[in-house]
Amino acid sequence: MNISPIKTEADYRKALKRLETIFDAPIGTPEGDEADLVGLLIDEYEKKHYPIEAPDPIEAIKIRMEEMHLKQIDLVNEIGGKSRVSEILNRKRKLTVDMIRKLNRRLNLSPELLINDYKLTR
């Protein structure tokens, strides 16, 4: 087992290749332990060099609606009226603080995510 920090893109590719080889190693074996460690190193490198940005609030709402099998009409109480829900989901209008509070409770989306800015379409 020769584990070293991932400092370069070449190190990263080498670590990915190694993890591919040992991925299915049994837990508790030297190769299984190596797979755990290499996986952690890869994860840290990816967090630093390939950060994933959170979706904008409208995308997050749409994703959660899909997960919960909700239709636009189901958010009338949180947003206010069918046309208002449509305006929000089509980026014609911004979320208000009251909407954010209600959507947080209904959809279990963090206020930090919902307050992020997004572009309106005209």
PDB file of N, CA and C in Angstrom:
ATOM      1  N   MET A   1       0.858  -1.180   0.000  1.00  0.00           N
ATOM      2  CA  MET A   1       0.000   0.000   0.000  1.00  0.00           C
ATOM      3  C   MET A   1       0.894   1.230   0.000  1.00  0.00           C
ATOM      4  N   ASN A   2       0.815   2.003  -1.087  1.00  0.00           N
ATOM      5  CA  ASN A   2       1.621   3.211  -1.231  1.00  0.00           C
ATOM      6  C   ASN A   2       0.684   4.390  -1.447  1.00  0.00           C
ATOM      7  N   ILE A   3       0.259   5.011  -0.353  1.00  0.00           N
ATOM      8  CA  ILE A   3      -0.698   6.113  -0.433  1.00  0.00           C
ATOM      9  C   ILE A   3       0.048   7.424  -0.234  1.00  0.00           C
ATOM     10  N   SER A   4      -0.235   8.379  -1.139  1.00  0.00           N
ATOM     11  CA  SER A   4       0.382   9.692  -1.010  1.00  0.00           C
ATOM     12  C   SER A   4      -0.654  10.761  -1.329  1.00  0.00           C
ATOM     13  N   PRO A   5      -0.417  11.981  -0.865  1.00  0.00           N
ATOM     14  CA  PRO A   5      -1.379  13.055  -1.108  1.00  0.00           C
ATOM     15  C   PRO A   5      -1.593  13.290  -2.602  1.00  0.00           C
ATOM     16  N   ILE A   6      -2.773  13.775  -2.940  1.00  0.00           N
ATOM     17  CA  ILE A   6      -3.091  14.126  -4.324  1.00  0.00           C
ATOM     18  C   ILE A   6      -2.843  15.624  -4.470  1.00  0.00           C
ATOM     19  N   LYS A   7      -1.792  15.960  -5.214  1.00  0.00           N
ATOM     20  CA  LYS A   7      -1.398  17.368  -5.360  1.00  0.00           C
ATOM     21  C   LYS A   7      -1.611  17.889  -6.770  1.00  0.00           C
ATOM     22  N   THR A   8      -1.630  17.004  -7.744  1.00  0.00           N
ATOM     23  CA  THR A   8      -1.730  17.432  -9.138  1.00  0.00           C
ATOM     24  C   THR A   8      -2.849  16.671  -9.842  1.00  0.00           C
ATOM     25  N   GLU A   9      -3.196  17.124 -11.032  1.00  0.00           N
ATOM     26  CA  GLU A   9      -4.198  16.430 -11.838  1.00  0.00           C
ATOM     27  C   GLU A   9      -3.713  15.021 -12.178  1.00  0.00           C
ATOM     28  N   ALA A  10      -2.405  14.874 -12.415  1.00  0.00           N
ATOM     29  CA  ALA A  10      -1.840  13.549 -12.710  1.00  0.00           C
ATOM     30  C   ALA A  10      -1.995  12.623 -11.497  1.00  0.00           C
ATOM     31  N   ASP A  11      -1.729  13.150 -10.297  1.00  0.00           N
ATOM     32  CA  ASP A  11      -1.934  12.363  -9.074  1.00  0.00           C
ATOM     33  C   ASP A  11      -3.392  11.938  -8.945  1.00  0.00           C
ATOM     34  N   TYR A  12      -4.285  12.854  -9.279  1.00  0.00           N
ATOM     35  CA  TYR A  12      -5.729  12.596  -9.193  1.00  0.00           C
ATOM     36  C   TYR A  12      -6.132  11.465 -10.134  1.00  0.00           C
ATOM     37  N   ARG A  13      -5.677  11.544 -11.381  1.00  0.00           N
ATOM     38  CA  ARG A  13      -6.009  10.495 -12.350  1.00  0.00           C
ATOM     39  C   ARG A  13      -5.445   9.139 -11.914  1.00  0.00           C
ATOM     40  N   LYS A  14      -4.234   9.159 -11.374  1.00  0.00           N
ATOM     41  CA  LYS A  14      -3.599   7.929 -10.889  1.00  0.00           C
ATOM     42  C   LYS A  14      -4.407   7.332  -9.728  1.00  0.00           C
ATOM     43  N   ALA A  15      -4.869   8.199  -8.824  1.00  0.00           N
ATOM     44  CA  ALA A  15      -5.659   7.739  -7.678  1.00  0.00           C
ATOM     45  C   ALA A  15      -7.001   7.155  -8.149  1.00  0.00           C
ATOM     46  N   LEU A  16      -7.626   7.805  -9.131  1.00  0.00           N
ATOM     47  CA  LEU A  16      -8.891   7.282  -9.664  1.00  0.00           C
ATOM     48  C   LEU A  16      -8.695   5.900 -10.271  1.00  0.00           C
ATOM     49  N   LYS A  17      -7.605   5.750 -11.016  1.00  0.00           N
ATOM     50  CA  LYS A  17      -7.309   4.466 -11.656  1.00  0.00           C
ATOM     51  C   LYS A  17      -7.084   3.385 -10.589  1.00  0.00           C
ATOM     52  N   ARG A  18      -6.343   3.741  -9.523  1.00  0.00           N
ATOM     53  CA  ARG A  18      -6.084   2.791  -8.454  1.00  0.00           C
ATOM     54  C   ARG A  18      -7.379   2.413  -7.732  1.00  0.00           C
ATOM     55  N   LEU A  19      -8.216   3.407  -7.460  1.00  0.00           N
ATOM     56  CA  LEU A  19      -9.468   3.129  -6.774  1.00  0.00           C
ATOM     57  C   LEU A  19     -10.356   2.209  -7.618  1.00  0.00           C
ATOM     58  N   GLU A  20     -10.341   2.413  -8.917  1.00  0.00           N
ATOM     59  CA  GLU A  20     -11.112   1.547  -9.813  1.00  0.00           C
ATOM     60  C   GLU A  20     -10.670   0.087  -9.673  1.00  0.00           C
ATOM     61  N   THR A  21      -9.374  -0.127  -9.500  1.00  0.00           N
ATOM     62  CA  THR A  21      -8.809  -1.466  -9.377  1.00  0.00           C
ATOM     63  C   THR A  21      -9.192  -2.141  -8.056  1.00  0.00           C
ATOM     64  N   ILE A  22      -9.201  -1.355  -6.961  1.00  0.00           N
ATOM     65  CA  ILE A  22      -9.390  -1.938  -5.625  1.00  0.00           C
ATOM     66  C   ILE A  22     -10.770  -1.671  -5.028  1.00  0.00           C
ATOM     67  N   PHE A  23     -11.656  -1.070  -5.808  1.00  0.00           N
ATOM     68  CA  PHE A  23     -12.950  -0.627  -5.296  1.00  0.00           C
ATOM     69  C   PHE A  23     -13.741  -1.740  -4.599  1.00  0.00           C
ATOM     70  N   ASP A  24     -13.757  -2.915  -5.158  1.00  0.00           N
ATOM     71  CA  ASP A  24     -14.552  -4.014  -4.610  1.00  0.00           C
ATOM     72  C   ASP A  24     -13.792  -4.886  -3.617  1.00  0.00           C
ATOM     73  N   ALA A  25     -12.650  -4.409  -3.123  1.00  0.00           N
ATOM     74  CA  ALA A  25     -11.872  -5.187  -2.154  1.00  0.00           C
ATOM     75  C   ALA A  25     -12.699  -5.387  -0.880  1.00  0.00           C
ATOM     76  N   PRO A  26     -12.611  -6.563  -0.272  1.00  0.00           N
ATOM     77  CA  PRO A  26     -13.375  -6.825   0.952  1.00  0.00           C
ATOM     78  C   PRO A  26     -12.978  -5.880   2.093  1.00  0.00           C
ATOM     79  N   ILE A  27     -13.970  -5.487   2.870  1.00  0.00           N
ATOM     80  CA  ILE A  27     -13.744  -4.621   4.032  1.00  0.00           C
ATOM     81  C   ILE A  27     -12.855  -5.347   5.029  1.00  0.00           C
ATOM     82  N   GLY A  28     -11.928  -4.603   5.620  1.00  0.00           N
ATOM     83  CA  GLY A  28     -11.054  -5.173   6.628  1.00  0.00           C
ATOM     84  C   GLY A  28      -9.773  -5.774   6.075  1.00  0.00           C
ATOM     85  N   THR A  29      -9.641  -5.789   4.747  1.00  0.00           N
ATOM     86  CA  THR A  29      -8.401  -6.277   4.132  1.00  0.00           C
ATOM     87  C   THR A  29      -7.510  -5.079   3.860  1.00  0.00           C
ATOM     88  N   PRO A  30      -6.215  -5.299   3.658  1.00  0.00           N
ATOM     89  CA  PRO A  30      -5.331  -4.170   3.329  1.00  0.00           C
ATOM     90  C   PRO A  30      -5.821  -3.386   2.098  1.00  0.00           C
ATOM     91  N   GLU A  31      -6.297  -4.081   1.067  1.00  0.00           N
ATOM     92  CA  GLU A  31      -6.801  -3.374  -0.110  1.00  0.00           C
ATOM     93  C   GLU A  31      -8.111  -2.643   0.189  1.00  0.00           C
ATOM     94  N   GLY A  32      -8.939  -3.201   1.038  1.00  0.00           N
ATOM     95  CA  GLY A  32     -10.164  -2.527   1.448  1.00  0.00           C
ATOM     96  C   GLY A  32      -9.860  -1.245   2.201  1.00  0.00           C
ATOM     97  N   ASP A  33      -8.866  -1.312   3.095  1.00  0.00           N
ATOM     98  CA  ASP A  33      -8.443  -0.111   3.834  1.00  0.00           C
ATOM     99  C   ASP A  33      -7.855   0.925   2.881  1.00  0.00           C
ATOM    100  N   GLU A  34      -7.069   0.460   1.932  1.00  0.00           N
ATOM    101  CA  GLU A  34      -6.478   1.365   0.944  1.00  0.00           C
ATOM    102  C   GLU A  34      -7.588   2.045   0.125  1.00  0.00           C
ATOM    103  N   ALA A  35      -8.603   1.290  -0.255  1.00  0.00           N
ATOM    104  CA  ALA A  35      -9.717   1.867  -1.022  1.00  0.00           C
ATOM    105  C   ALA A  35     -10.395   2.982  -0.223  1.00  0.00           C
ATOM    106  N   ASP A  36     -10.589   2.764   1.072  1.00  0.00           N
ATOM    107  CA  ASP A  36     -11.189   3.797   1.924  1.00  0.00           C
ATOM    108  C   ASP A  36     -10.337   5.066   1.935  1.00  0.00           C
ATOM    109  N   LEU A  37      -9.034   4.894   2.129  1.00  0.00           N
ATOM    110  CA  LEU A  37      -8.130   6.045   2.204  1.00  0.00           C
ATOM    111  C   LEU A  37      -8.020   6.782   0.869  1.00  0.00           C
ATOM    112  N   VAL A  38      -7.874   6.034  -0.218  1.00  0.00           N
ATOM    113  CA  VAL A  38      -7.776   6.653  -1.538  1.00  0.00           C
ATOM    114  C   VAL A  38      -9.075   7.392  -1.861  1.00  0.00           C
ATOM    115  N   GLY A  39     -10.208   6.792  -1.485  1.00  0.00           N
ATOM    116  CA  GLY A  39     -11.499   7.444  -1.694  1.00  0.00           C
ATOM    117  C   GLY A  39     -11.602   8.770  -0.964  1.00  0.00           C
ATOM    118  N   LEU A  40     -11.095   8.820   0.268  1.00  0.00           N
ATOM    119  CA  LEU A  40     -11.100  10.069   1.038  1.00  0.00           C
ATOM    120  C   LEU A  40     -10.205  11.127   0.394  1.00  0.00           C
ATOM    121  N   LEU A  41      -9.038  10.702  -0.062  1.00  0.00           N
ATOM    122  CA  LEU A  41      -8.123  11.644  -0.723  1.00  0.00           C
ATOM    123  C   LEU A  41      -8.747  12.202  -2.007  1.00  0.00           C
ATOM    124  N   ILE A  42      -9.378  11.346  -2.770  1.00  0.00           N
ATOM    125  CA  ILE A  42     -10.037  11.780  -4.002  1.00  0.00           C
ATOM    126  C   ILE A  42     -11.162  12.760  -3.675  1.00  0.00           C
ATOM    127  N   ASP A  43     -11.945  12.451  -2.661  1.00  0.00           N
ATOM    128  CA  ASP A  43     -13.057  13.315  -2.267  1.00  0.00           C
ATOM    129  C   ASP A  43     -12.555  14.706  -1.883  1.00  0.00           C
ATOM    130  N   GLU A  44     -11.498  14.777  -1.105  1.00  0.00           N
ATOM    131  CA  GLU A  44     -10.945  16.069  -0.698  1.00  0.00           C
ATOM    132  C   GLU A  44     -10.417  16.857  -1.902  1.00  0.00           C
ATOM    133  N   TYR A  45      -9.733  16.174  -2.809  1.00  0.00           N
ATOM    134  CA  TYR A  45      -9.213  16.828  -4.007  1.00  0.00           C
ATOM    135  C   TYR A  45     -10.373  17.386  -4.847  1.00  0.00           C
ATOM    136  N   GLU A  46     -11.429  16.595  -4.997  1.00  0.00           N
ATOM    137  CA  GLU A  46     -12.573  17.026  -5.805  1.00  0.00           C
ATOM    138  C   GLU A  46     -13.302  18.203  -5.168  1.00  0.00           C
ATOM    139  N   LYS A  47     -13.428  18.205  -3.850  1.00  0.00           N
ATOM    140  CA  LYS A  47     -14.075  19.334  -3.169  1.00  0.00           C
ATOM    141  C   LYS A  47     -13.311  20.629  -3.429  1.00  0.00           C
ATOM    142  N   LYS A  48     -12.000  20.531  -3.448  1.00  0.00           N
ATOM    143  CA  LYS A  48     -11.166  21.720  -3.632  1.00  0.00           C
ATOM    144  C   LYS A  48     -11.103  22.155  -5.096  1.00  0.00           C
ATOM    145  N   HIS A  49     -10.985  21.206  -6.011  1.00  0.00           N
ATOM    146  CA  HIS A  49     -10.741  21.541  -7.411  1.00  0.00           C
ATOM    147  C   HIS A  49     -11.969  21.455  -8.318  1.00  0.00           C
ATOM    148  N   TYR A  50     -12.996  20.770  -7.881  1.00  0.00           N
ATOM    149  CA  TYR A  50     -14.222  20.624  -8.685  1.00  0.00           C
ATOM    150  C   TYR A  50     -15.457  20.848  -7.814  1.00  0.00           C
ATOM    151  N   PRO A  51     -15.555  22.044  -7.207  1.00  0.00           N
ATOM    152  CA  PRO A  51     -16.699  22.263  -6.313  1.00  0.00           C
ATOM    153  C   PRO A  51     -18.016  22.219  -7.092  1.00  0.00           C
ATOM    154  N   ILE A  52     -19.022  21.694  -6.444  1.00  0.00           N
ATOM    155  CA  ILE A  52     -20.354  21.630  -7.035  1.00  0.00           C
ATOM    156  C   ILE A  52     -21.190  22.728  -6.398  1.00  0.00           C
ATOM    157  N   GLU A  53     -21.660  23.639  -7.213  1.00  0.00           N
ATOM    158  CA  GLU A  53     -22.483  24.716  -6.688  1.00  0.00           C
ATOM    159  C   GLU A  53     -23.901  24.218  -6.472  1.00  0.00           C
ATOM    160  N   ALA A  54     -24.513  24.758  -5.447  1.00  0.00           N
ATOM    161  CA  ALA A  54     -25.898  24.404  -5.167  1.00  0.00           C
ATOM    162  C   ALA A  54     -26.778  24.914  -6.302  1.00  0.00           C
ATOM    163  N   PRO A  55     -27.871  24.221  -6.583  1.00  0.00           N
ATOM    164  CA  PRO A  55     -28.767  24.717  -7.629  1.00  0.00           C
ATOM    165  C   PRO A  55     -29.385  26.043  -7.194  1.00  0.00           C
ATOM    166  N   ASP A  56     -29.814  26.834  -8.154  1.00  0.00           N
ATOM    167  CA  ASP A  56     -30.474  28.076  -7.755  1.00  0.00           C
ATOM    168  C   ASP A  56     -31.818  27.723  -7.108  1.00  0.00           C
ATOM    169  N   PRO A  57     -32.419  28.672  -6.409  1.00  0.00           N
ATOM    170  CA  PRO A  57     -33.640  28.371  -5.656  1.00  0.00           C
ATOM    171  C   PRO A  57     -34.760  27.768  -6.499  1.00  0.00           C
ATOM    172  N   ILE A  58     -34.952  28.276  -7.707  1.00  0.00           N
ATOM    173  CA  ILE A  58     -36.056  27.783  -8.532  1.00  0.00           C
ATOM    174  C   ILE A  58     -35.792  26.336  -8.957  1.00  0.00           C
ATOM    175  N   GLU A  59     -34.561  26.030  -9.353  1.00  0.00           N
ATOM    176  CA  GLU A  59     -34.229  24.641  -9.699  1.00  0.00           C
ATOM    177  C   GLU A  59     -34.415  23.730  -8.496  1.00  0.00           C
ATOM    178  N   ALA A  60     -34.006  24.194  -7.322  1.00  0.00           N
ATOM    179  CA  ALA A  60     -34.153  23.394  -6.100  1.00  0.00           C
ATOM    180  C   ALA A  60     -35.629  23.114  -5.814  1.00  0.00           C
ATOM    181  N   ILE A  61     -36.470  24.123  -5.984  1.00  0.00           N
ATOM    182  CA  ILE A  61     -37.910  23.940  -5.769  1.00  0.00           C
ATOM    183  C   ILE A  61     -38.461  22.918  -6.757  1.00  0.00           C
ATOM    184  N   LYS A  62     -38.083  23.046  -8.028  1.00  0.00           N
ATOM    185  CA  LYS A  62     -38.578  22.118  -9.051  1.00  0.00           C
ATOM    186  C   LYS A  62     -38.112  20.688  -8.780  1.00  0.00           C
ATOM    187  N   ILE A  63     -36.871  20.535  -8.369  1.00  0.00           N
ATOM    188  CA  ILE A  63     -36.342  19.201  -8.053  1.00  0.00           C
ATOM    189  C   ILE A  63     -37.120  18.591  -6.892  1.00  0.00           C
ATOM    190  N   ARG A  64     -37.332  19.395  -5.843  1.00  0.00           N
ATOM    191  CA  ARG A  64     -38.055  18.880  -4.669  1.00  0.00           C
ATOM    192  C   ARG A  64     -39.510  18.571  -5.018  1.00  0.00           C
ATOM    193  N   MET A  65     -40.121  19.399  -5.853  1.00  0.00           N
ATOM    194  CA  MET A  65     -41.503  19.119  -6.278  1.00  0.00           C
ATOM    195  C   MET A  65     -41.567  17.767  -6.989  1.00  0.00           C
ATOM    196  N   GLU A  66     -40.592  17.517  -7.844  1.00  0.00           N
ATOM    197  CA  GLU A  66     -40.551  16.242  -8.561  1.00  0.00           C
ATOM    198  C   GLU A  66     -40.377  15.080  -7.584  1.00  0.00           C
ATOM    199  N   GLU A  67     -39.457  15.254  -6.633  1.00  0.00           N
ATOM    200  CA  GLU A  67     -39.217  14.196  -5.635  1.00  0.00           C
ATOM    201  C   GLU A  67     -40.476  13.897  -4.821  1.00  0.00           C
ATOM    202  N   MET A  68     -41.252  14.943  -4.526  1.00  0.00           N
ATOM    203  CA  MET A  68     -42.441  14.795  -3.687  1.00  0.00           C
ATOM    204  C   MET A  68     -43.710  14.587  -4.524  1.00  0.00           C
ATOM    205  N   HIS A  69     -43.550  14.492  -5.843  1.00  0.00           N
ATOM    206  CA  HIS A  69     -44.680  14.299  -6.761  1.00  0.00           C
ATOM    207  C   HIS A  69     -45.724  15.408  -6.609  1.00  0.00           C
ATOM    208  N   LEU A  70     -45.235  16.657  -6.541  1.00  0.00           N
ATOM    209  CA  LEU A  70     -46.121  17.804  -6.409  1.00  0.00           C
ATOM    210  C   LEU A  70     -46.307  18.492  -7.757  1.00  0.00           C
ATOM    211  N   LYS A  71     -47.466  19.112  -7.913  1.00  0.00           N
ATOM    212  CA  LYS A  71     -47.757  19.927  -9.085  1.00  0.00           C
ATOM    213  C   LYS A  71     -47.758  21.386  -8.642  1.00  0.00           C
ATOM    214  N   GLN A  72     -47.765  22.298  -9.605  1.00  0.00           N
ATOM    215  CA  GLN A  72     -47.757  23.718  -9.260  1.00  0.00           C
ATOM    216  C   GLN A  72     -48.901  24.080  -8.315  1.00  0.00           C
ATOM    217  N   ILE A  73     -50.061  23.521  -8.556  1.00  0.00           N
ATOM    218  CA  ILE A  73     -51.242  23.814  -7.733  1.00  0.00           C
ATOM    219  C   ILE A  73     -51.003  23.477  -6.262  1.00  0.00           C
ATOM    220  N   ASP A  74     -50.112  22.521  -6.000  1.00  0.00           N
ATOM    221  CA  ASP A  74     -49.828  22.105  -4.624  1.00  0.00           C
ATOM    222  C   ASP A  74     -49.065  23.163  -3.824  1.00  0.00           C
ATOM    223  N   LEU A  75     -48.516  24.162  -4.503  1.00  0.00           N
ATOM    224  CA  LEU A  75     -47.754  25.207  -3.799  1.00  0.00           C
ATOM    225  C   LEU A  75     -48.519  26.520  -3.670  1.00  0.00           C
ATOM    226  N   VAL A  76     -49.808  26.504  -3.974  1.00  0.00           N
ATOM    227  CA  VAL A  76     -50.612  27.727  -3.887  1.00  0.00           C
ATOM    228  C   VAL A  76     -50.594  28.303  -2.469  1.00  0.00           C
ATOM    229  N   ASN A  77     -50.698  27.468  -1.439  1.00  0.00           N
ATOM    230  CA  ASN A  77     -50.702  27.966  -0.056  1.00  0.00           C
ATOM    231  C   ASN A  77     -49.379  28.622   0.323  1.00  0.00           C
ATOM    232  N   GLU A  78     -48.289  28.132  -0.250  1.00  0.00           N
ATOM    233  CA  GLU A  78     -46.973  28.670   0.094  1.00  0.00           C
ATOM    234  C   GLU A  78     -46.632  29.926  -0.723  1.00  0.00           C
ATOM    235  N   ILE A  79     -47.107  29.974  -1.956  1.00  0.00           N
ATOM    236  CA  ILE A  79     -46.701  31.060  -2.855  1.00  0.00           C
ATOM    237  C   ILE A  79     -47.841  32.045  -3.111  1.00  0.00           C
ATOM    238  N   GLY A  80     -49.075  31.544  -3.178  1.00  0.00           N
ATOM    239  CA  GLY A  80     -50.214  32.440  -3.318  1.00  0.00           C
ATOM    240  C   GLY A  80     -50.792  32.513  -4.715  1.00  0.00           C
ATOM    241  N   GLY A  81     -51.754  31.689  -5.019  1.00  0.00           N
ATOM    242  CA  GLY A  81     -52.432  31.728  -6.308  1.00  0.00           C
ATOM    243  C   GLY A  81     -51.708  30.957  -7.393  1.00  0.00           C
ATOM    244  N   LYS A  82     -52.506  30.349  -8.299  1.00  0.00           N
ATOM    245  CA  LYS A  82     -51.913  29.549  -9.384  1.00  0.00           C
ATOM    246  C   LYS A  82     -51.025  30.402 -10.283  1.00  0.00           C
ATOM    247  N   SER A  83     -51.474  31.623 -10.598  1.00  0.00           N
ATOM    248  CA  SER A  83     -50.665  32.457 -11.498  1.00  0.00           C
ATOM    249  C   SER A  83     -49.362  32.888 -10.824  1.00  0.00           C
ATOM    250  N   ARG A  84     -49.399  33.127  -9.520  1.00  0.00           N
ATOM    251  CA  ARG A  84     -48.188  33.521  -8.786  1.00  0.00           C
ATOM    252  C   ARG A  84     -47.182  32.372  -8.764  1.00  0.00           C
ATOM    253  N   VAL A  85     -47.656  31.147  -8.546  1.00  0.00           N
ATOM    254  CA  VAL A  85     -46.780  29.970  -8.567  1.00  0.00           C
ATOM    255  C   VAL A  85     -46.118  29.873  -9.939  1.00  0.00           C
ATOM    256  N   SER A  86     -46.897  30.049 -10.983  1.00  0.00           N
ATOM    257  CA  SER A  86     -46.363  29.992 -12.345  1.00  0.00           C
ATOM    258  C   SER A  86     -45.312  31.078 -12.573  1.00  0.00           C
ATOM    259  N   GLU A  87     -45.591  32.285 -12.106  1.00  0.00           N
ATOM    260  CA  GLU A  87     -44.628  33.395 -12.260  1.00  0.00           C
ATOM    261  C   GLU A  87     -43.307  33.080 -11.569  1.00  0.00           C
ATOM    262  N   ILE A  88     -43.393  32.524 -10.368  1.00  0.00           N
ATOM    263  CA  ILE A  88     -42.178  32.176  -9.615  1.00  0.00           C
ATOM    264  C   ILE A  88     -41.409  31.081 -10.342  1.00  0.00           C
ATOM    265  N   LEU A  89     -42.080  29.989 -10.692  1.00  0.00           N
ATOM    266  CA  LEU A  89     -41.398  28.848 -11.303  1.00  0.00           C
ATOM    267  C   LEU A  89     -40.891  29.149 -12.707  1.00  0.00           C
ATOM    268  N   ASN A  90     -41.459  30.154 -13.356  1.00  0.00           N
ATOM    269  CA  ASN A  90     -40.990  30.568 -14.679  1.00  0.00           C
ATOM    270  C   ASN A  90     -40.062  31.783 -14.609  1.00  0.00           C
ATOM    271  N   ARG A  91     -39.629  32.113 -13.394  1.00  0.00           N
ATOM    272  CA  ARG A  91     -38.646  33.177 -13.162  1.00  0.00           C
ATOM    273  C   ARG A  91     -39.119  34.548 -13.621  1.00  0.00           C
ATOM    274  N   LYS A  92     -40.396  34.800 -13.472  1.00  0.00           N
ATOM    275  CA  LYS A  92     -40.953  36.109 -13.817  1.00  0.00           C
ATOM    276  C   LYS A  92     -41.040  37.002 -12.586  1.00  0.00           C
ATOM    277  N   ARG A  93     -40.923  36.411 -11.427  1.00  0.00           N
ATOM    278  CA  ARG A  93     -41.066  37.123 -10.159  1.00  0.00           C
ATOM    279  C   ARG A  93     -40.129  36.489  -9.136  1.00  0.00           C
ATOM    280  N   LYS A  94     -39.640  37.297  -8.204  1.00  0.00           N
ATOM    281  CA  LYS A  94     -38.736  36.813  -7.151  1.00  0.00           C
ATOM    282  C   LYS A  94     -39.521  36.266  -5.961  1.00  0.00           C
ATOM    283  N   LEU A  95     -38.895  35.350  -5.250  1.00  0.00           N
ATOM    284  CA  LEU A  95     -39.463  34.835  -4.005  1.00  0.00           C
ATOM    285  C   LEU A  95     -39.452  35.943  -2.950  1.00  0.00           C
ATOM    286  N   THR A  96     -40.486  35.990  -2.129  1.00  0.00           N
ATOM    287  CA  THR A  96     -40.508  36.924  -1.008  1.00  0.00           C
ATOM    288  C   THR A  96     -40.051  36.184   0.251  1.00  0.00           C
ATOM    289  N   VAL A  97     -39.782  36.937   1.295  1.00  0.00           N
ATOM    290  CA  VAL A  97     -39.373  36.327   2.563  1.00  0.00           C
ATOM    291  C   VAL A  97     -40.470  35.395   3.083  1.00  0.00           C
ATOM    292  N   ASP A  98     -41.719  35.814   2.960  1.00  0.00           N
ATOM    293  CA  ASP A  98     -42.834  34.981   3.423  1.00  0.00           C
ATOM    294  C   ASP A  98     -42.901  33.674   2.628  1.00  0.00           C
ATOM    295  N   MET A  99     -42.723  33.753   1.310  1.00  0.00           N
ATOM    296  CA  MET A  99     -42.719  32.548   0.476  1.00  0.00           C
ATOM    297  C   MET A  99     -41.582  31.618   0.890  1.00  0.00           C
ATOM    298  N   ILE A 100     -40.415  32.192   1.131  1.00  0.00           N
ATOM    299  CA  ILE A 100     -39.247  31.402   1.526  1.00  0.00           C
ATOM    300  C   ILE A 100     -39.528  30.649   2.828  1.00  0.00           C
ATOM    301  N   ARG A 101     -40.123  31.331   3.791  1.00  0.00           N
ATOM    302  CA  ARG A 101     -40.460  30.676   5.069  1.00  0.00           C
ATOM    303  C   ARG A 101     -41.409  29.499   4.848  1.00  0.00           C
ATOM    304  N   LYS A 102     -42.442  29.737   4.053  1.00  0.00           N
ATOM    305  CA  LYS A 102     -43.438  28.690   3.824  1.00  0.00           C
ATOM    306  C   LYS A 102     -42.864  27.537   3.006  1.00  0.00           C
ATOM    307  N   LEU A 103     -42.049  27.848   1.995  1.00  0.00           N
ATOM    308  CA  LEU A 103     -41.430  26.794   1.180  1.00  0.00           C
ATOM    309  C   LEU A 103     -40.434  25.981   2.001  1.00  0.00           C
ATOM    310  N   ASN A 104     -39.748  26.656   2.914  1.00  0.00           N
ATOM    311  CA  ASN A 104     -38.824  25.956   3.814  1.00  0.00           C
ATOM    312  C   ASN A 104     -39.566  24.884   4.599  1.00  0.00           C
ATOM    313  N   ARG A 105     -40.716  25.235   5.143  1.00  0.00           N
ATOM    314  CA  ARG A 105     -41.499  24.273   5.931  1.00  0.00           C
ATOM    315  C   ARG A 105     -42.105  23.183   5.045  1.00  0.00           C
ATOM    316  N   ARG A 106     -42.666  23.562   3.914  1.00  0.00           N
ATOM    317  CA  ARG A 106     -43.375  22.598   3.057  1.00  0.00           C
ATOM    318  C   ARG A 106     -42.424  21.656   2.339  1.00  0.00           C
ATOM    319  N   LEU A 107     -41.328  22.213   1.785  1.00  0.00           N
ATOM    320  CA  LEU A 107     -40.434  21.415   0.949  1.00  0.00           C
ATOM    321  C   LEU A 107     -39.172  20.974   1.670  1.00  0.00           C
ATOM    322  N   ASN A 108     -38.989  21.459   2.889  1.00  0.00           N
ATOM    323  CA  ASN A 108     -37.784  21.139   3.662  1.00  0.00           C
ATOM    324  C   ASN A 108     -36.513  21.533   2.899  1.00  0.00           C
ATOM    325  N   LEU A 109     -36.550  22.730   2.304  1.00  0.00           N
ATOM    326  CA  LEU A 109     -35.369  23.299   1.651  1.00  0.00           C
ATOM    327  C   LEU A 109     -34.818  24.374   2.572  1.00  0.00           C
ATOM    328  N   SER A 110     -33.513  24.459   2.683  1.00  0.00           N
ATOM    329  CA  SER A 110     -32.913  25.404   3.624  1.00  0.00           C
ATOM    330  C   SER A 110     -33.157  26.846   3.189  1.00  0.00           C
ATOM    331  N   PRO A 111     -33.387  27.725   4.152  1.00  0.00           N
ATOM    332  CA  PRO A 111     -33.539  29.142   3.823  1.00  0.00           C
ATOM    333  C   PRO A 111     -32.293  29.685   3.099  1.00  0.00           C
ATOM    334  N   GLU A 112     -31.111  29.176   3.475  1.00  0.00           N
ATOM    335  CA  GLU A 112     -29.872  29.619   2.829  1.00  0.00           C
ATOM    336  C   GLU A 112     -29.912  29.355   1.329  1.00  0.00           C
ATOM    337  N   LEU A 113     -30.474  28.231   0.939  1.00  0.00           N
ATOM    338  CA  LEU A 113     -30.602  27.902  -0.477  1.00  0.00           C
ATOM    339  C   LEU A 113     -31.653  28.783  -1.138  1.00  0.00           C
ATOM    340  N   LEU A 114     -32.782  28.952  -0.480  1.00  0.00           N
ATOM    341  CA  LEU A 114     -33.891  29.690  -1.072  1.00  0.00           C
ATOM    342  C   LEU A 114     -33.626  31.183  -1.211  1.00  0.00           C
ATOM    343  N   ILE A 115     -32.745  31.747  -0.392  1.00  0.00           N
ATOM    344  CA  ILE A 115     -32.484  33.191  -0.501  1.00  0.00           C
ATOM    345  C   ILE A 115     -31.445  33.529  -1.566  1.00  0.00           C
ATOM    346  N   ASN A 116     -30.790  32.518  -2.123  1.00  0.00           N
ATOM    347  CA  ASN A 116     -29.814  32.796  -3.194  1.00  0.00           C
ATOM    348  C   ASN A 116     -30.490  33.520  -4.342  1.00  0.00           C
ATOM    349  N   ASP A 117     -29.732  34.428  -4.944  1.00  0.00           N
ATOM    350  CA  ASP A 117     -30.268  35.220  -6.042  1.00  0.00           C
ATOM    351  C   ASP A 117     -30.368  34.389  -7.309  1.00  0.00           C
ATOM    352  N   TYR A 118     -31.237  34.777  -8.194  1.00  0.00           N
ATOM    353  CA  TYR A 118     -31.371  34.139  -9.507  1.00  0.00           C
ATOM    354  C   TYR A 118     -31.877  35.188 -10.480  1.00  0.00           C
ATOM    355  N   LYS A 119     -31.622  34.940 -11.757  1.00  0.00           N
ATOM    356  CA  LYS A 119     -32.017  35.881 -12.788  1.00  0.00           C
ATOM    357  C   LYS A 119     -33.486  35.695 -13.154  1.00  0.00           C
ATOM    358  N   LEU A 120     -34.140  36.815 -13.350  1.00  0.00           N
ATOM    359  CA  LEU A 120     -35.516  36.784 -13.855  1.00  0.00           C
ATOM    360  C   LEU A 120     -35.481  36.728 -15.368  1.00  0.00           C
ATOM    361  N   THR A 121     -36.509  36.129 -15.956  1.00  0.00           N
ATOM    362  CA  THR A 121     -36.626  36.141 -17.425  1.00  0.00           C
ATOM    363  C   THR A 121     -37.754  37.090 -17.778  1.00  0.00           C
ATOM    364  N   ARG A 122     -37.610  37.741 -18.869  1.00  0.00           N
ATOM    365  CA  ARG A 122     -38.630  38.718 -19.281  1.00  0.00           C
ATOM    366  C   ARG A 122     -39.311  38.273 -20.522  1.00  0.00           C
TER     367      ARG A 122
END
